[in-house]
Amino acid sequence: MAEIRLQQLAHSYSRTPASADDYALRELEHVWAQGGAYALLGPSGCGKSTLLNIISGLLSPSQGQVLFDGKVVNELSPQARNIAQVFQFPVVYDTMTVFDNLAFPLRNQGMDEARVRSKVEEIAEVLELGPALKKKARNLSADEKQKVSMGRGLVRDDVSAILFDEPLTVIDPHLKWKLRRKLKQIHEQFNITMIYVTHDQLEASTFADKIAVMYGGQIVQFGTPRELFERPRHTFVGYFIGSPGMNLIDVQPQPGGVGFAGVHLPLPEALQARLASTPVARLQVGIRPEFVQVREAPFDDAFTARVVDVEDLGTYRILTLELGAVALKVRLGEDRVVPQGQAWISFPAQWLMLYADDVLLEAAP
């Protein structure tokens, strides 16, 4: 197990990068603590796989350092870093049995055969591969092959970290949940540093204790699933996390708060002071669809909105409302009354976020 630290790390696939747009990874400072279960979450092209390949040693960074337990490993090969990597598509030796696939890294280390058998049988039991140990790998299903790939990393005692690069892409949807839970159980049992790359927020939340959200080659927020949902520190996190994502509305400063299209939203005095002292090109407010208060009759401090659409998704409904020519999404539980034609809404102050040029603006401490 290892603590993995990135220092001033950046990477460009161009030999002569001229601007920030030429970088797949912009300068990063980040730490993954020893023994943690982490996810690297973001859309295609944001730099997730590039970062994972730099950590593993498959790619050398253009600048900066990768440290394992305080030791710079930039010049070390993946083998020397003791990294196990599980790729999108299972990597197995088809002509070998499952047992021999799992035993391969141990035999390469010169481990005696009795110890090899003990370790392989232990991991096979954890991964529920016991009945398949004598099978040739070519006869396995896709999810069984991916379990074998995972097992080759888990079977080693010396592994510093296991890196997963979208490992469930080829797995049938009904098996994905089971394998995610299995990975979580394995982490709890073996306490190995694990970093799981995915574009799927459900996979990330199910597996990881903390998630690093990537956007435009940068980690824009690192936190627990709850922190990312309740207090996104960047508009991209608000948009990307949640179903549907956060409502984001362009606003203008006004005395006592901000406003748009005849709607005034008051702000606490401390936040008003921070806004007044902050140069801003684009100002937005954000609120999750779950946190918008909706009723079918007027109430104090409520705004009147027009009901444009209702999507019934069984256990909840998604309403599309129009407020001052701005479209809003609202999520209602199945037990809630759906307003007809017109609705009255409000934005609870604790859930209303203010963003200055995409970054959460908070009152000075």
Protein backbone atom coordinates (compact mmCIF):
# COMPACT_ATOMS: atom_id res chain seq x y z
CA MET A 1 0.00 0.00 0.00
CA ALA A 2 1.19 3.52 -0.71
CA GLU A 3 0.34 7.16 -0.31
CA ILE A 4 0.31 8.62 -3.84
CA ARG A 5 1.19 12.29 -4.16
CA LEU A 6 1.18 14.49 -7.27
CA GLN A 7 3.35 17.61 -7.23
CA GLN A 8 3.04 20.30 -9.93
CA LEU A 9 2.03 17.55 -12.33
CA ALA A 10 1.05 18.46 -15.90
CA HIS A 11 1.07 16.69 -19.24
CA SER A 12 0.80 17.65 -22.88
CA TYR A 13 0.83 15.32 -25.87
CA SER A 14 2.26 18.22 -27.88
CA ARG A 15 6.04 18.57 -28.03
CA THR A 16 5.75 22.36 -27.97
CA PRO A 17 2.67 23.31 -25.93
CA ALA A 18 1.91 26.98 -26.42
CA SER A 19 -1.11 27.47 -24.14
CA ALA A 20 -3.21 25.82 -21.44
CA ASP A 21 -5.42 24.34 -24.18
CA ASP A 22 -2.47 22.21 -25.33
CA TYR A 23 -2.39 20.35 -22.00
CA ALA A 24 -4.33 17.15 -21.35
CA LEU A 25 -3.53 17.66 -17.65
CA ARG A 26 -3.11 21.14 -16.22
CA GLU A 27 -0.95 21.60 -13.16
CA LEU A 28 -2.16 19.30 -10.37
CA GLU A 29 -1.40 19.08 -6.65
CA HIS A 30 -3.15 16.13 -5.07
CA VAL A 31 -2.78 13.35 -2.49
CA TRP A 32 -4.39 9.93 -2.27
CA ALA A 33 -3.86 8.64 1.26
CA GLN A 34 -2.60 5.13 1.91
CA GLY A 35 -5.32 2.49 1.96
CA GLY A 36 -8.11 4.71 0.62
CA ALA A 37 -10.80 3.82 -1.91
CA TYR A 38 -11.01 6.63 -4.44
CA ALA A 39 -12.78 7.36 -7.71
CA LEU A 40 -11.61 9.60 -10.53
CA LEU A 41 -14.81 10.82 -12.14
CA GLY A 42 -15.41 12.89 -15.26
CA PRO A 43 -16.54 12.90 -18.88
CA SER A 44 -14.59 11.44 -21.80
CA GLY A 45 -11.55 13.54 -22.67
CA CYS A 46 -11.15 15.23 -19.28
CA GLY A 47 -7.77 13.56 -18.55
CA LYS A 48 -8.77 10.65 -16.29
CA SER A 49 -6.96 7.87 -18.16
CA THR A 50 -3.95 10.10 -18.84
CA LEU A 51 -3.60 10.71 -15.11
CA LEU A 52 -4.03 7.02 -14.27
CA ASN A 53 -1.36 6.03 -16.82
CA ILE A 54 1.06 8.57 -15.35
CA ILE A 55 0.49 7.18 -11.84
CA SER A 56 1.06 3.63 -13.08
CA GLY A 57 4.18 4.51 -15.07
CA LEU A 58 2.78 3.72 -18.51
CA LEU A 59 3.20 7.42 -19.38
CA SER A 60 5.83 9.97 -18.35
CA PRO A 61 4.51 13.41 -17.37
CA SER A 62 5.64 16.52 -19.22
CA GLN A 63 6.37 18.17 -15.88
CA GLY A 64 6.04 17.59 -12.15
CA GLN A 65 6.51 14.56 -9.95
CA VAL A 66 4.68 11.43 -8.82
CA LEU A 67 5.64 10.25 -5.33
CA PHE A 68 4.87 6.94 -3.63
CA ASP A 69 5.28 7.23 0.15
CA GLY A 70 7.46 10.32 -0.38
CA LYS A 71 9.73 8.70 -2.99
CA VAL A 72 9.79 10.15 -6.54
CA VAL A 73 8.89 7.34 -8.97
CA ASN A 74 8.90 9.22 -12.30
CA GLU A 75 11.72 7.08 -13.68
CA LEU A 76 10.41 3.75 -12.35
CA SER A 77 8.59 1.24 -14.56
CA PRO A 78 5.10 -0.02 -13.63
CA GLN A 79 6.70 -3.25 -12.42
CA ALA A 80 9.14 -1.38 -10.19
CA ARG A 81 6.27 0.70 -8.77
CA ASN A 82 4.43 -2.52 -7.80
CA ILE A 83 1.26 -1.24 -9.43
CA ALA A 84 -1.60 -3.48 -10.52
CA GLN A 85 -3.81 -2.04 -13.25
CA VAL A 86 -7.19 -3.39 -14.37
CA PHE A 87 -8.17 -2.13 -17.80
CA GLN A 88 -11.46 -1.52 -19.58
CA PHE A 89 -11.16 -4.84 -21.39
CA PRO A 90 -10.10 -7.91 -19.37
CA VAL A 91 -6.44 -8.91 -19.80
CA VAL A 92 -6.06 -12.64 -19.21
CA TYR A 93 -3.95 -15.48 -20.62
CA ASP A 94 -6.57 -17.41 -22.56
CA THR A 95 -4.58 -20.63 -22.83
CA MET A 96 -3.98 -20.81 -19.07
CA THR A 97 -6.40 -21.98 -16.42
CA VAL A 98 -7.86 -19.50 -13.97
CA PHE A 99 -5.56 -20.93 -11.30
CA ASP A 100 -2.46 -20.37 -13.44
CA ASN A 101 -3.58 -16.83 -14.35
CA LEU A 102 -3.85 -15.94 -10.68
CA ALA A 103 -0.63 -17.74 -9.82
CA PHE A 104 1.39 -16.09 -12.60
CA PRO A 105 2.59 -12.96 -10.71
CA LEU A 106 3.44 -15.02 -7.61
CA ARG A 107 5.48 -17.56 -9.57
CA ASN A 108 7.33 -14.68 -11.25
CA GLN A 109 8.39 -13.60 -7.75
CA GLY A 110 9.74 -17.09 -7.05
CA MET A 111 7.19 -17.88 -4.35
CA ASP A 112 7.08 -21.54 -3.30
CA GLU A 113 4.19 -23.55 -4.72
CA ALA A 114 2.48 -24.26 -1.41
CA ARG A 115 2.28 -20.53 -0.68
CA VAL A 116 1.13 -19.87 -4.25
CA ARG A 117 -1.75 -22.34 -3.87
CA SER A 118 -2.78 -20.84 -0.53
CA LYS A 119 -2.85 -17.27 -1.89
CA VAL A 120 -4.66 -18.22 -5.11
CA GLU A 121 -7.33 -20.17 -3.25
CA GLU A 122 -7.81 -17.26 -0.80
CA ILE A 123 -8.36 -14.72 -3.59
CA ALA A 124 -10.48 -17.14 -5.64
CA GLU A 125 -12.80 -17.52 -2.66
CA VAL A 126 -13.09 -13.75 -2.22
CA LEU A 127 -13.89 -13.27 -5.93
CA GLU A 128 -16.17 -16.32 -6.09
CA LEU A 129 -13.90 -17.95 -8.68
CA GLY A 130 -13.34 -21.21 -6.78
CA PRO A 131 -15.47 -23.39 -9.10
CA ALA A 132 -13.68 -21.96 -12.15
CA LEU A 133 -10.05 -22.49 -11.04
CA LYS A 134 -9.52 -25.44 -13.40
CA LYS A 135 -11.23 -23.76 -16.39
CA LYS A 136 -9.27 -22.33 -19.29
CA ALA A 137 -9.63 -18.55 -19.26
CA ARG A 138 -10.90 -18.53 -22.85
CA ASN A 139 -14.05 -20.30 -21.65
CA LEU A 140 -14.96 -17.64 -19.10
CA SER A 141 -17.66 -14.99 -19.37
CA ALA A 142 -16.64 -11.31 -19.57
CA ASP A 143 -17.35 -10.66 -15.89
CA GLU A 144 -15.38 -13.78 -14.85
CA LYS A 145 -12.43 -12.63 -16.95
CA GLN A 146 -12.54 -9.21 -15.30
CA LYS A 147 -12.55 -10.89 -11.89
CA VAL A 148 -9.39 -12.77 -12.92
CA SER A 149 -7.77 -9.45 -13.95
CA MET A 150 -8.63 -8.02 -10.53
CA GLY A 151 -7.42 -11.16 -8.81
CA ARG A 152 -3.94 -10.91 -10.32
CA GLY A 153 -3.50 -7.61 -8.51
CA LEU A 154 -5.08 -8.71 -5.26
CA VAL A 155 -3.06 -11.91 -4.99
CA ARG A 156 0.19 -9.99 -4.52
CA ASP A 157 1.28 -8.96 -1.03
CA ASP A 158 3.63 -6.26 -2.33
CA VAL A 159 1.19 -4.27 -4.46
CA SER A 160 1.37 -0.50 -3.80
CA ALA A 161 -2.01 0.28 -5.35
CA ILE A 162 -4.61 -1.11 -7.73
CA LEU A 163 -5.75 1.19 -10.52
CA PHE A 164 -9.04 0.51 -12.32
CA ASP A 165 -9.62 2.10 -15.74
CA GLU A 166 -13.40 1.84 -16.36
CA PRO A 167 -13.29 -1.89 -15.52
CA LEU A 168 -17.02 -2.58 -15.87
CA THR A 169 -17.52 -1.23 -19.39
CA VAL A 170 -17.91 -4.68 -20.96
CA ILE A 171 -19.91 -6.16 -18.08
CA ASP A 172 -23.65 -6.83 -18.44
CA PRO A 173 -25.65 -4.12 -16.62
CA HIS A 174 -27.29 -6.55 -14.15
CA LEU A 175 -23.83 -7.76 -13.03
CA LYS A 176 -22.28 -4.30 -12.60
CA TRP A 177 -23.89 -3.61 -9.23
CA LYS A 178 -22.72 -6.98 -7.89
CA LEU A 179 -19.12 -6.40 -9.01
CA ARG A 180 -19.06 -2.86 -7.60
CA ARG A 181 -20.16 -4.19 -4.23
CA LYS A 182 -17.57 -6.96 -4.47
CA LEU A 183 -14.82 -4.41 -5.08
CA LYS A 184 -15.97 -2.43 -2.05
CA GLN A 185 -15.90 -5.56 0.11
CA ILE A 186 -12.42 -6.43 -1.18
CA HIS A 187 -11.15 -2.98 -0.27
CA GLU A 188 -12.57 -3.25 3.23
CA GLN A 189 -10.97 -6.68 3.66
CA PHE A 190 -7.49 -5.94 2.24
CA ASN A 191 -7.18 -2.16 2.83
CA ILE A 192 -5.31 -1.60 -0.45
CA THR A 193 -5.03 1.86 -2.02
CA MET A 194 -7.48 1.76 -4.93
CA ILE A 195 -8.20 4.39 -7.60
CA TYR A 196 -11.19 3.73 -9.84
CA VAL A 197 -11.60 5.71 -13.08
CA THR A 198 -15.15 6.08 -14.41
CA HIS A 199 -17.53 8.47 -16.16
CA ASP A 200 -20.46 6.96 -14.22
CA GLN A 201 -21.38 8.82 -11.02
CA LEU A 202 -23.25 5.79 -9.64
CA GLU A 203 -20.17 3.58 -10.03
CA ALA A 204 -18.02 6.23 -8.35
CA SER A 205 -20.42 6.74 -5.43
CA THR A 206 -20.92 3.01 -4.88
CA PHE A 207 -17.20 2.23 -4.79
CA ALA A 208 -15.38 5.25 -3.41
CA ASP A 209 -15.08 6.90 -0.02
CA LYS A 210 -13.90 10.06 -1.80
CA ILE A 211 -14.28 11.17 -5.41
CA ALA A 212 -12.01 13.43 -7.45
CA VAL A 213 -14.09 15.13 -10.15
CA MET A 214 -12.07 16.04 -13.25
CA TYR A 215 -12.93 18.68 -15.80
CA GLY A 216 -10.72 20.21 -18.48
CA GLY A 217 -7.58 18.44 -17.25
CA GLN A 218 -7.99 19.55 -13.64
CA ILE A 219 -9.42 18.12 -10.42
CA VAL A 220 -12.15 20.68 -9.69
CA GLN A 221 -13.37 19.06 -6.45
CA PHE A 222 -12.32 16.23 -4.16
CA GLY A 223 -14.77 15.05 -1.54
CA THR A 224 -17.29 12.50 -0.35
CA PRO A 225 -20.32 11.74 -2.54
CA ARG A 226 -22.44 13.72 -0.10
CA GLU A 227 -20.14 16.77 -0.25
CA LEU A 228 -20.18 16.74 -4.05
CA PHE A 229 -23.95 16.57 -4.07
CA GLU A 230 -24.78 19.03 -1.31
CA ARG A 231 -22.03 21.59 -1.85
CA PRO A 232 -20.52 21.47 -5.33
CA ARG A 233 -17.57 23.84 -5.46
CA HIS A 234 -17.65 24.21 -9.24
CA THR A 235 -20.57 24.56 -11.63
CA PHE A 236 -19.38 21.48 -13.55
CA VAL A 237 -19.68 19.36 -10.39
CA GLY A 238 -23.20 20.69 -9.89
CA TYR A 239 -24.11 19.88 -13.48
CA PHE A 240 -22.37 16.47 -13.69
CA ILE A 241 -23.42 15.05 -10.31
CA GLY A 242 -27.12 14.34 -9.78
CA SER A 243 -30.02 13.30 -11.98
CA PRO A 244 -30.98 15.77 -13.23
CA GLY A 245 -28.03 18.05 -12.51
CA MET A 246 -28.08 21.33 -10.62
CA ASN A 247 -30.15 24.25 -11.93
CA LEU A 248 -27.73 27.04 -12.89
CA ILE A 249 -29.11 30.52 -13.57
CA ASP A 250 -27.24 33.60 -14.78
CA VAL A 251 -27.89 36.50 -12.40
CA GLN A 252 -26.88 40.13 -11.87
CA PRO A 253 -25.87 41.81 -8.59
CA GLN A 254 -28.69 43.82 -6.99
CA PRO A 255 -28.98 45.74 -3.72
CA GLY A 256 -29.35 43.09 -1.01
CA GLY A 257 -28.68 40.12 -3.30
CA VAL A 258 -28.86 39.04 -6.94
CA GLY A 259 -31.62 38.80 -9.51
CA PHE A 260 -32.78 37.70 -12.93
CA ALA A 261 -35.82 38.52 -15.10
CA GLY A 262 -37.67 40.35 -12.35
CA VAL A 263 -36.86 37.74 -9.67
CA HIS A 264 -34.87 38.93 -6.64
CA LEU A 265 -32.89 36.50 -4.47
CA PRO A 266 -31.60 37.91 -1.16
CA LEU A 267 -28.10 37.00 0.03
CA PRO A 268 -26.57 37.08 3.55
CA GLU A 269 -24.70 40.33 4.26
CA ALA A 270 -21.33 38.57 4.50
CA LEU A 271 -21.80 37.02 1.06
CA GLN A 272 -22.94 40.40 -0.35
CA ALA A 273 -19.69 41.91 0.95
CA ARG A 274 -17.63 39.12 -0.63
CA LEU A 275 -19.40 39.58 -3.95
CA ALA A 276 -18.84 43.33 -3.90
CA SER A 277 -15.07 42.80 -3.53
CA THR A 278 -14.77 40.03 -6.16
CA PRO A 279 -14.23 40.80 -9.87
CA VAL A 280 -16.71 38.58 -11.76
CA ALA A 281 -17.27 38.05 -15.49
CA ARG A 282 -20.14 35.60 -15.03
CA LEU A 283 -22.33 35.26 -11.96
CA GLN A 284 -24.70 32.31 -11.43
CA VAL A 285 -26.86 30.84 -8.71
CA GLY A 286 -27.31 27.10 -8.44
CA ILE A 287 -29.79 24.86 -6.66
CA ARG A 288 -30.42 21.13 -6.86
CA PRO A 289 -33.82 20.02 -8.26
CA GLU A 290 -34.32 18.08 -5.01
CA PHE A 291 -33.98 21.23 -2.89
CA VAL A 292 -36.44 23.52 -4.68
CA GLN A 293 -39.56 23.88 -2.53
CA VAL A 294 -42.73 23.39 -4.60
CA ARG A 295 -46.40 23.72 -3.64
CA GLU A 296 -49.67 23.89 -5.50
CA ALA A 297 -50.84 26.97 -3.51
CA PRO A 298 -49.22 30.32 -2.57
CA PHE A 299 -46.96 30.52 0.50
CA ASP A 300 -44.65 33.13 2.05
CA ASP A 301 -41.81 34.43 -0.14
CA ALA A 302 -42.79 32.11 -2.99
CA PHE A 303 -42.42 32.81 -6.69
CA THR A 304 -45.04 31.87 -9.25
CA ALA A 305 -43.83 29.49 -11.96
CA ARG A 306 -45.50 27.85 -14.95
CA VAL A 307 -45.53 24.05 -15.15
CA VAL A 308 -44.16 23.20 -18.61
CA ASP A 309 -43.68 19.41 -18.38
CA VAL A 310 -43.94 16.45 -15.99
CA GLU A 311 -41.89 13.26 -16.39
CA ASP A 312 -43.18 10.34 -14.33
CA LEU A 313 -40.24 8.06 -13.50
CA GLY A 314 -42.07 5.78 -11.09
CA THR A 315 -40.54 6.51 -7.69
CA TYR A 316 -40.23 10.23 -8.46
CA ARG A 317 -41.27 12.87 -10.98
CA ILE A 318 -39.23 15.53 -12.77
CA LEU A 319 -41.04 18.82 -13.30
CA THR A 320 -39.90 21.42 -15.81
CA LEU A 321 -40.96 24.87 -14.63
CA GLU A 322 -40.61 28.30 -16.18
CA LEU A 323 -39.69 31.16 -13.85
CA GLY A 324 -39.12 34.53 -15.43
CA ALA A 325 -38.38 32.90 -18.81
CA VAL A 326 -35.81 30.60 -17.15
CA ALA A 327 -36.37 26.83 -17.25
CA LEU A 328 -35.93 24.97 -13.94
CA LYS A 329 -35.94 21.27 -13.07
CA VAL A 330 -37.62 20.11 -9.86
CA ARG A 331 -37.59 16.59 -8.46
CA LEU A 332 -40.68 15.43 -6.53
CA GLY A 333 -41.18 12.18 -4.62
CA GLU A 334 -43.98 9.87 -5.73
CA ASP A 335 -46.03 10.81 -2.66
CA ARG A 336 -46.05 14.53 -3.54
CA VAL A 337 -48.92 16.33 -5.25
CA VAL A 338 -47.98 17.56 -8.74
CA PRO A 339 -49.11 21.16 -9.33
CA GLN A 340 -51.26 21.63 -12.41
CA GLY A 341 -50.53 24.54 -14.75
CA GLN A 342 -49.01 26.77 -12.08
CA ALA A 343 -46.73 26.20 -9.09
CA TRP A 344 -45.35 28.25 -6.23
CA ILE A 345 -41.67 27.75 -5.51
CA SER A 346 -38.91 29.00 -3.23
CA PHE A 347 -35.17 28.45 -2.87
CA PRO A 348 -34.10 27.60 0.72
CA ALA A 349 -31.08 29.76 1.58
CA GLN A 350 -28.95 26.82 2.81
CA TRP A 351 -29.20 25.11 -0.59
CA LEU A 352 -28.78 28.16 -2.83
CA MET A 353 -25.18 28.40 -4.11
CA LEU A 354 -23.53 31.44 -5.69
CA TYR A 355 -20.87 30.90 -8.38
CA ALA A 356 -18.40 33.49 -9.65
CA ASP A 357 -16.86 32.40 -12.95
CA ASP A 358 -17.85 28.78 -12.22
CA VAL A 359 -16.32 28.66 -8.72
CA LEU A 360 -18.37 28.62 -5.51
CA LEU A 361 -18.30 32.03 -3.83
CA GLU A 362 -18.45 31.91 -0.04
CA ALA A 363 -18.42 34.51 2.67
CA ALA A 364 -14.97 35.28 4.06
CA PRO A 365 -14.24 33.29 7.24
